[in-house]
N, C-alpha and C. Protein backbone atom coordinates (compact mmCIF):
# COMPACT_ATOMS: atom_id res chain seq x y z
N UNK A 1 98.06 124.47 112.73
CA UNK A 1 96.78 124.36 112.07
C UNK A 1 95.76 125.22 112.83
N UNK A 2 94.92 125.96 112.11
CA UNK A 2 93.94 126.82 112.79
C UNK A 2 92.95 126.02 113.64
N UNK A 3 92.71 126.48 114.85
CA UNK A 3 91.81 125.78 115.77
C UNK A 3 90.38 125.70 115.26
N UNK A 4 89.94 126.75 114.53
CA UNK A 4 88.54 126.78 114.08
C UNK A 4 88.22 125.66 113.09
N UNK A 5 89.23 124.99 112.54
CA UNK A 5 89.00 123.89 111.61
C UNK A 5 88.82 122.56 112.34
N UNK A 6 89.04 122.57 113.62
CA UNK A 6 88.88 121.34 114.39
C UNK A 6 90.22 120.79 114.83
N UNK A 7 90.15 119.86 115.74
CA UNK A 7 91.37 119.24 116.23
C UNK A 7 91.87 118.22 115.21
N UNK A 8 93.17 118.26 114.97
CA UNK A 8 93.76 117.34 114.00
C UNK A 8 93.71 115.92 114.54
N UNK A 9 93.15 115.02 113.74
CA UNK A 9 93.04 113.63 114.14
C UNK A 9 94.19 112.79 113.61
N UNK A 10 94.65 113.16 112.42
CA UNK A 10 95.72 112.40 111.77
C UNK A 10 96.67 113.35 111.07
N UNK A 11 97.85 112.86 110.84
CA UNK A 11 98.87 113.63 110.15
C UNK A 11 99.49 112.75 109.08
N UNK A 12 99.54 113.26 107.87
CA UNK A 12 100.16 112.54 106.76
C UNK A 12 101.27 113.41 106.19
N UNK A 13 102.46 112.88 106.13
CA UNK A 13 103.59 113.65 105.61
C UNK A 13 103.93 113.19 104.21
N UNK A 14 104.13 114.18 103.35
CA UNK A 14 104.56 113.92 101.99
C UNK A 14 105.87 114.62 101.72
N UNK A 15 106.32 114.54 100.50
CA UNK A 15 107.59 115.16 100.14
C UNK A 15 107.50 116.69 100.11
N UNK A 16 106.35 117.22 99.69
CA UNK A 16 106.20 118.66 99.53
C UNK A 16 105.31 119.31 100.58
N UNK A 17 104.59 118.48 101.32
CA UNK A 17 103.60 119.05 102.23
C UNK A 17 103.29 118.09 103.38
N UNK A 18 102.51 118.63 104.31
CA UNK A 18 101.97 117.85 105.41
C UNK A 18 100.45 118.01 105.33
N UNK A 19 99.72 116.93 105.50
CA UNK A 19 98.26 116.99 105.46
C UNK A 19 97.73 116.66 106.85
N UNK A 20 96.96 117.60 107.40
CA UNK A 20 96.29 117.39 108.67
C UNK A 20 94.86 116.97 108.36
N UNK A 21 94.42 115.90 108.96
CA UNK A 21 93.06 115.42 108.74
C UNK A 21 92.24 115.64 110.00
N UNK A 22 91.13 116.34 109.84
CA UNK A 22 90.17 116.49 110.93
C UNK A 22 88.95 115.66 110.55
N UNK A 23 87.94 115.72 111.36
CA UNK A 23 86.72 114.96 111.06
C UNK A 23 86.14 115.37 109.70
N UNK A 24 86.19 116.66 109.39
CA UNK A 24 85.53 117.19 108.20
C UNK A 24 86.49 117.64 107.10
N UNK A 25 87.69 118.07 107.45
CA UNK A 25 88.59 118.71 106.49
C UNK A 25 89.92 117.98 106.33
N UNK A 26 90.51 118.21 105.18
CA UNK A 26 91.92 117.86 104.94
C UNK A 26 92.62 119.19 104.71
N UNK A 27 93.61 119.49 105.54
CA UNK A 27 94.33 120.75 105.43
C UNK A 27 95.74 120.42 104.95
N UNK A 28 96.02 120.84 103.73
CA UNK A 28 97.31 120.54 103.13
C UNK A 28 98.21 121.76 103.30
N UNK A 29 99.28 121.58 104.04
CA UNK A 29 100.22 122.65 104.36
C UNK A 29 101.53 122.40 103.61
N UNK A 30 101.85 123.28 102.67
CA UNK A 30 103.07 123.12 101.88
C UNK A 30 104.26 123.73 102.60
N UNK A 31 105.43 123.15 102.40
CA UNK A 31 106.67 123.71 102.90
C UNK A 31 107.00 124.94 102.06
N UNK A 32 107.58 125.94 102.66
CA UNK A 32 107.87 127.22 101.99
C UNK A 32 108.63 127.04 100.68
N UNK A 33 109.56 126.13 100.64
CA UNK A 33 110.37 125.98 99.42
C UNK A 33 109.59 125.35 98.26
N UNK A 34 108.36 124.91 98.54
CA UNK A 34 107.52 124.33 97.50
C UNK A 34 106.32 125.22 97.17
N UNK A 35 106.53 126.52 97.22
CA UNK A 35 105.47 127.50 96.90
C UNK A 35 104.92 127.26 95.49
N UNK A 36 105.79 126.96 94.54
CA UNK A 36 105.35 126.73 93.16
C UNK A 36 104.41 125.53 93.09
N UNK A 37 104.72 124.46 93.81
CA UNK A 37 103.85 123.28 93.85
C UNK A 37 102.50 123.64 94.46
N UNK A 38 102.52 124.45 95.50
CA UNK A 38 101.29 124.92 96.13
C UNK A 38 100.42 125.66 95.12
N UNK A 39 101.03 126.58 94.38
CA UNK A 39 100.28 127.37 93.39
C UNK A 39 99.71 126.48 92.29
N UNK A 40 100.48 125.49 91.87
CA UNK A 40 99.97 124.56 90.85
C UNK A 40 98.79 123.75 91.39
N UNK A 41 98.92 123.27 92.60
CA UNK A 41 97.83 122.49 93.20
C UNK A 41 96.55 123.33 93.29
N UNK A 42 96.69 124.57 93.73
CA UNK A 42 95.53 125.47 93.83
C UNK A 42 94.92 125.71 92.45
N UNK A 43 95.77 125.97 91.47
CA UNK A 43 95.28 126.25 90.11
C UNK A 43 94.47 125.08 89.56
N UNK A 44 95.00 123.87 89.66
CA UNK A 44 94.32 122.72 89.07
C UNK A 44 93.11 122.27 89.90
N UNK A 45 93.19 122.35 91.22
CA UNK A 45 92.01 122.02 92.03
C UNK A 45 90.87 122.99 91.73
N UNK A 46 91.20 124.27 91.57
CA UNK A 46 90.18 125.27 91.25
C UNK A 46 89.57 125.01 89.88
N UNK A 47 90.41 124.76 88.90
CA UNK A 47 89.95 124.49 87.54
C UNK A 47 89.04 123.27 87.46
N UNK A 48 89.36 122.24 88.23
CA UNK A 48 88.65 120.97 88.15
C UNK A 48 87.49 120.84 89.14
N UNK A 49 87.21 121.88 89.92
CA UNK A 49 86.13 121.84 90.91
C UNK A 49 84.76 121.44 90.35
N UNK A 50 84.40 121.87 89.14
CA UNK A 50 83.07 121.51 88.64
C UNK A 50 82.86 120.01 88.39
N UNK A 51 83.91 119.24 88.42
CA UNK A 51 83.80 117.82 88.08
C UNK A 51 83.74 116.95 89.33
N UNK A 52 83.31 115.72 89.14
CA UNK A 52 83.06 114.80 90.25
C UNK A 52 84.31 114.31 90.96
N UNK A 53 85.46 114.44 90.34
CA UNK A 53 86.63 113.69 90.81
C UNK A 53 87.63 114.47 91.66
N UNK A 54 87.29 115.69 92.10
CA UNK A 54 88.21 116.41 92.99
C UNK A 54 87.51 116.66 94.33
N UNK A 55 88.29 116.73 95.40
CA UNK A 55 87.69 117.07 96.69
C UNK A 55 87.19 118.52 96.64
N UNK A 56 86.13 118.80 97.38
CA UNK A 56 85.60 120.16 97.43
C UNK A 56 86.62 121.07 98.08
N UNK A 57 86.85 122.20 97.44
CA UNK A 57 87.82 123.18 97.93
C UNK A 57 87.07 124.20 98.79
N UNK A 58 87.50 124.38 100.05
CA UNK A 58 86.83 125.31 100.95
C UNK A 58 87.55 126.64 101.06
N UNK A 59 88.87 126.60 101.14
CA UNK A 59 89.61 127.84 101.40
C UNK A 59 91.06 127.66 100.99
N UNK A 60 91.64 128.75 100.49
CA UNK A 60 93.07 128.75 100.16
C UNK A 60 93.72 129.90 100.92
N UNK A 61 94.73 129.58 101.70
CA UNK A 61 95.48 130.57 102.47
C UNK A 61 96.82 130.76 101.76
N UNK A 62 96.89 131.78 100.90
CA UNK A 62 98.09 132.02 100.10
C UNK A 62 99.27 132.44 100.97
N UNK A 63 99.02 133.16 102.05
CA UNK A 63 100.10 133.63 102.91
C UNK A 63 100.81 132.48 103.61
N UNK A 64 100.04 131.47 104.01
CA UNK A 64 100.61 130.34 104.76
C UNK A 64 100.73 129.06 103.95
N UNK A 65 100.48 129.15 102.64
CA UNK A 65 100.59 127.99 101.74
C UNK A 65 99.74 126.82 102.22
N UNK A 66 98.49 127.12 102.51
CA UNK A 66 97.59 126.12 103.08
C UNK A 66 96.33 126.00 102.22
N UNK A 67 95.91 124.77 101.98
CA UNK A 67 94.68 124.49 101.24
C UNK A 67 93.74 123.71 102.16
N UNK A 68 92.53 124.22 102.31
CA UNK A 68 91.53 123.53 103.13
C UNK A 68 90.51 122.93 102.17
N UNK A 69 90.39 121.62 102.22
CA UNK A 69 89.47 120.93 101.31
C UNK A 69 88.71 119.84 102.05
N UNK A 70 87.77 119.26 101.35
CA UNK A 70 86.97 118.17 101.88
C UNK A 70 87.86 116.98 102.25
N UNK A 71 87.59 116.40 103.41
CA UNK A 71 88.28 115.16 103.76
C UNK A 71 87.58 114.02 103.03
N UNK A 72 88.34 113.26 102.31
CA UNK A 72 87.80 112.13 101.57
C UNK A 72 87.93 110.87 102.40
N UNK A 73 86.91 110.07 102.38
CA UNK A 73 86.95 108.79 103.08
C UNK A 73 86.84 107.68 102.06
N UNK A 74 87.72 106.75 102.16
CA UNK A 74 87.69 105.65 101.21
C UNK A 74 89.00 104.89 101.24
N UNK A 75 89.19 104.11 100.20
CA UNK A 75 90.39 103.28 100.11
C UNK A 75 91.20 103.68 98.88
N UNK A 76 92.46 103.32 98.93
CA UNK A 76 93.31 103.52 97.76
C UNK A 76 92.75 102.72 96.59
N UNK A 77 93.04 103.17 95.40
CA UNK A 77 92.49 102.53 94.21
C UNK A 77 92.88 101.06 94.12
N UNK A 78 94.13 100.73 94.40
CA UNK A 78 94.57 99.34 94.28
C UNK A 78 93.91 98.42 95.30
N UNK A 79 93.36 98.99 96.37
CA UNK A 79 92.67 98.20 97.39
C UNK A 79 91.17 98.09 97.10
N UNK A 80 90.68 98.91 96.19
CA UNK A 80 89.24 98.95 95.90
C UNK A 80 89.01 98.80 94.40
N UNK A 81 89.68 97.86 93.82
CA UNK A 81 89.63 97.68 92.37
C UNK A 81 88.31 97.02 91.98
N UNK A 82 87.32 97.86 91.68
CA UNK A 82 86.01 97.37 91.26
C UNK A 82 85.63 98.05 89.95
N UNK A 83 84.70 97.44 89.25
CA UNK A 83 84.35 97.92 87.91
C UNK A 83 83.95 99.39 87.90
N UNK A 84 83.08 99.78 88.81
CA UNK A 84 82.59 101.17 88.83
C UNK A 84 83.74 102.14 89.07
N UNK A 85 84.68 101.78 89.93
CA UNK A 85 85.83 102.65 90.20
C UNK A 85 86.70 102.79 88.96
N UNK A 86 86.90 101.71 88.24
CA UNK A 86 87.70 101.75 87.00
C UNK A 86 87.01 102.65 85.98
N UNK A 87 85.70 102.48 85.82
CA UNK A 87 84.95 103.31 84.86
C UNK A 87 85.06 104.78 85.21
N UNK A 88 84.87 105.13 86.47
CA UNK A 88 84.92 106.54 86.89
C UNK A 88 86.32 107.11 86.74
N UNK A 89 87.33 106.31 87.03
CA UNK A 89 88.72 106.78 86.84
C UNK A 89 88.99 107.04 85.37
N UNK A 90 88.51 106.17 84.50
CA UNK A 90 88.67 106.38 83.05
C UNK A 90 87.96 107.66 82.62
N UNK A 91 86.76 107.90 83.15
CA UNK A 91 86.02 109.13 82.82
C UNK A 91 86.79 110.36 83.27
N UNK A 92 87.36 110.32 84.47
CA UNK A 92 88.14 111.45 84.97
C UNK A 92 89.35 111.71 84.07
N UNK A 93 90.02 110.64 83.67
CA UNK A 93 91.18 110.78 82.77
C UNK A 93 90.77 111.41 81.44
N UNK A 94 89.64 110.99 80.91
CA UNK A 94 89.15 111.54 79.64
C UNK A 94 88.84 113.03 79.78
N UNK A 95 88.17 113.41 80.85
CA UNK A 95 87.85 114.83 81.08
C UNK A 95 89.13 115.66 81.13
N UNK A 96 90.13 115.18 81.88
CA UNK A 96 91.39 115.94 81.96
C UNK A 96 92.08 116.00 80.60
N UNK A 97 92.05 114.90 79.84
CA UNK A 97 92.67 114.91 78.51
C UNK A 97 92.00 115.95 77.62
N UNK A 98 90.68 116.00 77.63
CA UNK A 98 89.93 116.97 76.81
C UNK A 98 90.29 118.40 77.22
N UNK A 99 90.49 118.62 78.51
CA UNK A 99 90.82 119.95 79.02
C UNK A 99 92.28 120.33 78.81
N UNK A 100 93.10 119.36 78.42
CA UNK A 100 94.52 119.65 78.24
C UNK A 100 95.31 119.63 79.53
N UNK A 101 94.81 118.92 80.53
CA UNK A 101 95.48 118.81 81.83
C UNK A 101 96.12 117.44 81.94
N UNK A 102 97.42 117.41 82.21
CA UNK A 102 98.08 116.13 82.44
C UNK A 102 98.47 116.03 83.91
N UNK A 103 97.92 115.03 84.58
CA UNK A 103 98.19 114.85 86.01
C UNK A 103 99.58 114.28 86.26
N UNK A 104 100.09 113.50 85.35
CA UNK A 104 101.43 112.92 85.37
C UNK A 104 101.64 111.71 86.26
N UNK A 105 100.64 111.27 86.98
CA UNK A 105 100.85 110.12 87.86
C UNK A 105 99.85 109.01 87.59
N UNK A 106 99.28 109.00 86.42
CA UNK A 106 98.22 108.04 86.14
C UNK A 106 98.74 106.66 85.75
N UNK A 107 100.04 106.52 85.57
CA UNK A 107 100.59 105.19 85.32
C UNK A 107 100.92 104.47 86.64
N UNK A 108 100.86 105.18 87.75
CA UNK A 108 101.01 104.58 89.09
C UNK A 108 100.13 105.37 90.08
N UNK A 109 98.81 105.27 89.90
CA UNK A 109 97.90 106.14 90.66
C UNK A 109 97.43 105.60 92.01
N UNK A 110 98.02 104.54 92.49
CA UNK A 110 97.50 103.89 93.70
C UNK A 110 97.21 104.86 94.84
N UNK A 111 98.15 105.77 95.12
CA UNK A 111 97.97 106.72 96.22
C UNK A 111 97.25 107.99 95.79
N UNK A 112 96.96 108.13 94.51
CA UNK A 112 96.38 109.37 94.00
C UNK A 112 94.91 109.24 93.62
N UNK A 113 94.35 108.05 93.78
CA UNK A 113 92.92 107.83 93.54
C UNK A 113 92.33 107.24 94.81
N UNK A 114 91.31 107.92 95.32
CA UNK A 114 90.60 107.46 96.51
C UNK A 114 89.21 106.99 96.08
N UNK A 115 88.85 105.78 96.48
CA UNK A 115 87.54 105.23 96.14
C UNK A 115 86.69 105.23 97.40
N UNK A 116 85.64 106.05 97.37
CA UNK A 116 84.68 106.12 98.47
C UNK A 116 83.29 106.10 97.88
N UNK A 117 82.51 107.14 98.17
CA UNK A 117 81.18 107.26 97.55
C UNK A 117 81.31 107.40 96.04
N UNK A 118 82.41 107.96 95.60
CA UNK A 118 82.74 108.10 94.18
C UNK A 118 84.24 107.91 94.07
N UNK A 119 84.78 108.23 92.93
CA UNK A 119 86.23 108.14 92.71
C UNK A 119 86.79 109.56 92.72
N UNK A 120 87.83 109.78 93.52
CA UNK A 120 88.43 111.10 93.64
C UNK A 120 89.91 111.02 93.33
N UNK A 121 90.39 112.04 92.63
CA UNK A 121 91.82 112.17 92.35
C UNK A 121 92.37 113.24 93.28
N UNK A 122 93.54 112.98 93.83
CA UNK A 122 94.17 113.94 94.73
C UNK A 122 95.59 114.21 94.25
N UNK A 123 96.20 115.23 94.83
CA UNK A 123 97.60 115.61 94.57
C UNK A 123 97.80 116.07 93.12
N UNK A 124 97.45 117.32 92.89
CA UNK A 124 97.60 117.91 91.57
C UNK A 124 98.82 118.83 91.48
N UNK A 125 99.73 118.72 92.43
CA UNK A 125 100.88 119.63 92.45
C UNK A 125 101.86 119.38 91.31
N UNK A 126 101.79 118.23 90.67
CA UNK A 126 102.67 117.95 89.53
C UNK A 126 101.95 118.11 88.20
N UNK A 127 100.67 118.45 88.24
CA UNK A 127 99.88 118.59 87.01
C UNK A 127 100.42 119.74 86.17
N UNK A 128 100.08 119.67 84.88
CA UNK A 128 100.50 120.74 83.96
C UNK A 128 99.57 120.74 82.75
N UNK A 129 99.57 121.86 82.06
CA UNK A 129 98.84 121.93 80.80
C UNK A 129 99.74 121.36 79.71
N UNK A 130 99.12 120.61 78.82
CA UNK A 130 99.88 119.98 77.74
C UNK A 130 98.97 119.87 76.52
N UNK A 131 99.55 120.05 75.34
CA UNK A 131 98.77 119.95 74.10
C UNK A 131 98.16 118.57 73.92
N UNK A 132 98.90 117.55 74.27
CA UNK A 132 98.42 116.18 74.10
C UNK A 132 98.62 115.40 75.40
N UNK A 133 97.78 115.65 76.39
CA UNK A 133 97.93 114.92 77.66
C UNK A 133 97.67 113.43 77.46
N UNK A 134 98.19 112.64 78.37
CA UNK A 134 98.08 111.19 78.21
C UNK A 134 97.58 110.50 79.48
N UNK A 135 96.66 111.13 80.19
CA UNK A 135 96.12 110.53 81.41
C UNK A 135 95.47 109.18 81.15
N UNK A 136 94.61 109.13 80.14
CA UNK A 136 93.87 107.89 79.87
C UNK A 136 94.81 106.79 79.39
N UNK A 137 95.71 107.10 78.51
CA UNK A 137 96.62 106.06 78.01
C UNK A 137 97.56 105.59 79.13
N UNK A 138 98.01 106.51 79.98
CA UNK A 138 98.83 106.10 81.13
C UNK A 138 98.04 105.18 82.06
N UNK A 139 96.79 105.55 82.32
CA UNK A 139 95.96 104.74 83.21
C UNK A 139 95.72 103.36 82.60
N UNK A 140 95.55 103.29 81.30
CA UNK A 140 95.37 101.99 80.63
C UNK A 140 96.63 101.13 80.79
N UNK A 141 97.80 101.74 80.76
CA UNK A 141 99.04 100.99 81.00
C UNK A 141 99.06 100.45 82.43
N UNK A 142 98.57 101.24 83.36
CA UNK A 142 98.48 100.80 84.76
C UNK A 142 97.54 99.59 84.89
N UNK A 143 96.44 99.60 84.13
CA UNK A 143 95.46 98.51 84.22
C UNK A 143 96.05 97.17 83.80
N UNK A 144 97.13 97.20 83.05
CA UNK A 144 97.79 95.95 82.64
C UNK A 144 98.24 95.14 83.86
N UNK A 145 98.56 95.83 84.95
CA UNK A 145 98.97 95.13 86.18
C UNK A 145 97.87 94.21 86.71
N UNK A 146 96.64 94.54 86.34
CA UNK A 146 95.49 93.77 86.79
C UNK A 146 95.00 92.81 85.71
N UNK A 147 95.82 92.63 84.68
CA UNK A 147 95.48 91.70 83.61
C UNK A 147 94.53 92.26 82.57
N UNK A 148 94.35 93.57 82.55
CA UNK A 148 93.45 94.20 81.58
C UNK A 148 94.29 94.79 80.45
N UNK A 149 94.27 94.11 79.34
CA UNK A 149 95.02 94.56 78.15
C UNK A 149 94.06 95.27 77.20
N UNK A 150 94.40 96.47 76.81
CA UNK A 150 93.60 97.22 75.84
C UNK A 150 94.33 97.17 74.51
N UNK A 151 93.58 96.91 73.45
CA UNK A 151 94.19 96.82 72.12
C UNK A 151 94.98 98.08 71.80
N UNK A 152 96.18 97.88 71.28
CA UNK A 152 97.04 99.02 70.96
C UNK A 152 96.40 99.93 69.93
N UNK A 153 95.62 99.36 69.00
CA UNK A 153 94.97 100.20 67.98
C UNK A 153 93.97 101.16 68.62
N UNK A 154 93.27 100.72 69.66
CA UNK A 154 92.33 101.60 70.36
C UNK A 154 93.06 102.76 71.01
N UNK A 155 94.18 102.44 71.66
CA UNK A 155 94.96 103.49 72.33
C UNK A 155 95.58 104.44 71.31
N UNK A 156 96.04 103.89 70.21
CA UNK A 156 96.64 104.73 69.16
C UNK A 156 95.59 105.67 68.55
N UNK A 157 94.41 105.14 68.28
CA UNK A 157 93.32 105.97 67.74
C UNK A 157 92.97 107.10 68.72
N UNK A 158 92.91 106.76 70.00
CA UNK A 158 92.59 107.75 71.02
C UNK A 158 93.68 108.82 71.08
N UNK A 159 94.92 108.39 71.05
CA UNK A 159 96.04 109.33 71.13
C UNK A 159 96.04 110.26 69.92
N UNK A 160 95.66 109.72 68.75
CA UNK A 160 95.60 110.53 67.54
C UNK A 160 94.46 111.54 67.61
N UNK A 161 93.33 111.10 68.17
CA UNK A 161 92.15 111.97 68.24
C UNK A 161 91.39 111.71 69.53
N UNK A 162 91.57 112.60 70.50
CA UNK A 162 90.87 112.48 71.78
C UNK A 162 89.44 112.95 71.57
N UNK A 163 88.52 112.00 71.51
CA UNK A 163 87.11 112.35 71.32
C UNK A 163 86.23 111.31 72.01
N UNK A 164 84.95 111.60 72.07
CA UNK A 164 84.00 110.72 72.77
C UNK A 164 83.93 109.33 72.17
N UNK A 165 83.98 109.25 70.85
CA UNK A 165 83.89 107.94 70.19
C UNK A 165 85.07 107.05 70.56
N UNK A 166 86.27 107.58 70.46
CA UNK A 166 87.45 106.78 70.80
C UNK A 166 87.48 106.43 72.29
N UNK A 167 87.06 107.38 73.12
CA UNK A 167 86.98 107.09 74.56
C UNK A 167 85.98 105.97 74.82
N UNK A 168 84.81 106.04 74.20
CA UNK A 168 83.77 105.02 74.40
C UNK A 168 84.25 103.63 73.99
N UNK A 169 85.03 103.57 72.93
CA UNK A 169 85.56 102.27 72.49
C UNK A 169 86.50 101.69 73.54
N UNK A 170 87.35 102.52 74.12
CA UNK A 170 88.26 102.05 75.18
C UNK A 170 87.46 101.65 76.41
N UNK A 171 86.53 102.50 76.82
CA UNK A 171 85.71 102.21 78.00
C UNK A 171 84.97 100.88 77.83
N UNK A 172 84.36 100.68 76.68
CA UNK A 172 83.63 99.43 76.40
C UNK A 172 84.58 98.23 76.47
N UNK A 173 85.77 98.38 75.90
CA UNK A 173 86.75 97.30 75.92
C UNK A 173 87.14 96.92 77.35
N UNK A 174 87.38 97.93 78.18
CA UNK A 174 87.77 97.69 79.57
C UNK A 174 86.63 97.05 80.34
N UNK A 175 85.43 97.58 80.19
CA UNK A 175 84.27 97.05 80.92
C UNK A 175 84.02 95.59 80.55
N UNK A 176 84.18 95.25 79.29
CA UNK A 176 84.01 93.86 78.85
C UNK A 176 85.01 92.93 79.55
N UNK A 177 86.21 93.42 79.74
CA UNK A 177 87.25 92.60 80.39
C UNK A 177 87.03 92.47 81.90
N UNK A 178 86.23 93.36 82.46
CA UNK A 178 85.97 93.32 83.90
C UNK A 178 84.76 92.46 84.27
N UNK A 179 84.06 91.95 83.29
CA UNK A 179 82.86 91.13 83.57
C UNK A 179 83.24 89.75 84.05
């Protein structure tokens, strides 16, 4: 890890990469054989930068398969299950659905959603473009684990037509169940 980024405080190992955490940065270093995953992560992090739910991207080192981004502080989603976090996660899913981005892990997002000052999604290396992404519907299936059942007709309407009205109906339904 480059010295100018600070001394590594923590190390997190994943299947495709190693993440070094400093006081300010998270440096994600991909293994050479996962170059394609690195490129996908860079593509989707770059595309989603304008939105609230991705860590700030500082630098991409294509030669060394390294991504330098904002270090996020917070808890895993399943440890910080609060109404505001659920609402923001649903909003992030809707934005990705509208953009045609499928993250693919929204039915088991515990390690992929960090709740801190806001809600952040991490690990976009498996994301892909899809004509009919299902982030929101997958996330709604995940919410069932917490006893939040969304009417199938609402989900079906949303799947048929991803729009603000159908999203608002689902969001309202979930928020009502969280009161």
